[in-house]
Amino acid sequence: MSYVEVPGAQVPIRMWTDPATVEDVAMQQLRNVATLPWIKGLAVMPDVHYGKGATVGSVIAMRGAVCPAAVGVDIGCGMSAVKTSLTANDLPGDLSRLRSKIEQAIPVGRGMHDDPVDPGRLHGFPTAGWEDFWARFDGVADAVKFRRERAVKQMGTLGSGNHFHEICIDEDQSVWIMLHSGSRNIGKELADHHMGVAQKLPQNQGLVDRDLAVFIADTPQMAAYRNDLFWAQEYAKHNREIMMALTQDVVRREFKKARVTFGEVISCHHNYVAEERYDGMDLLVTRKGAIRAGGGEYGIIPGSMGTGSYIVRGLGNPASFNSASHGAGRKMSRNAAKKRFTTRDLAEQTRGVECRKDSGVIDEIPGAYKPIEKVIEQQRDLVEVVAHLKQVVCVKG
């Protein structure tokens, strides 16, 4: 489908879904965003749903301003995927050992490595700039500097919630590695700090929603946020790179006889800010629950832990600010899912997938998410499908 336009105070709201299907609280969030004086465009992806601070599945283009809540607390959260030389026939019938080996290599939940991962020991890891990256930690907000050791040890860890790590098979029976994670606790603490600073600034006192507090250009607060934001986005990228390298090492050891090789890793943020130019204007484009989908750019749109995912190639649609959805999108809250479903439902909906099937992940049950096939269909003018993957192993925190 092409987009539907809904009137907004400052700009129209372009929606790649039926507005009638969007929950009222999410629509109100979008209308609130459209009142911001600095906004130049607002695009809404088909996985849209209510989010803390700002709507998940929204692309907000502003001139001379940025809203930290519109980025969210998991700065730089995103996806990585790589095709391997393995085929489905190479996989054992019982995948529990492979899942266990991945879980041993990569801490989940609030966990961290006992010792920092040395990227120099990882096969093919790009170590250029690694020392400079950590040296720049000295320049982030003083409020989080005491978290340095934790940040170092959480580099290369999965987290919890909707983060996951998967082994998948595509339609040609090729095996893929896929993972979803972000900037861990350090990203959250940086986000919380700056959102608190923004809410106290004079320009934000008359906003319809205090969560939409912004930093404006050429101020020390904006400079400090941009510094910390871009550092955290880089942390998230490195976090996924290390997890991918660790997983590749696991796969090499488990399939020695196959002499596994790997293609080029596809990686994309979906909670972040980018400097981009549209209609002759330099804009700050915030994607919260959306990926960049410029012409020819590869991206990843996952479903839920039992429904598969898509590798896509962007079509470069400027109406969406070269964006597409970041996943299926929730159709019910975590609390609602816990009340609605049982572990029996979880086992049924994840049949054929080697994964957790206990009460601790019921809120991630496929039934709590929108159908990924419909979400893909609604954005045919934003991306083209390159591969459809189905998970056979799913690691959750």
Foldseek 3Di string as FASTA:
>chain_A
DFWDWDDEDQEIETELAPPVLADPVQVVLVNLLSNDPFWDYKYAAPQWHDDVLHIARMKTKGAQKDALVLLPLQQQWWKKKWWKPDFLVLDDPDCQVLLVLLCVLAPEALDFAPDFDDQVPFPPQPCPCVVVLLVLLVVADPVCNVCSVVQRRNQQHFHFDQWKWFWWAWPVRTIMTMTIGGLHPSSNVSSVVLLVVQLPDPVQPPRPDSSRRMDGPPDPSVVNSVSSSVSRSVSGVRSVSNSVRSSVVSVCVVRVVVNMDIDDMAIWGQRHWDFDDDPRGTIIMGGRQKTAAAAQHWGKEAEFLAAWIFIKHWRHDVNSPRIHGNYQHFPDALVVQLVPDALVQQCVSNPQAAEDSHSVCSSRRNVRGHRRVVSCVSVPVTIDTDIIIGGRYMYHD
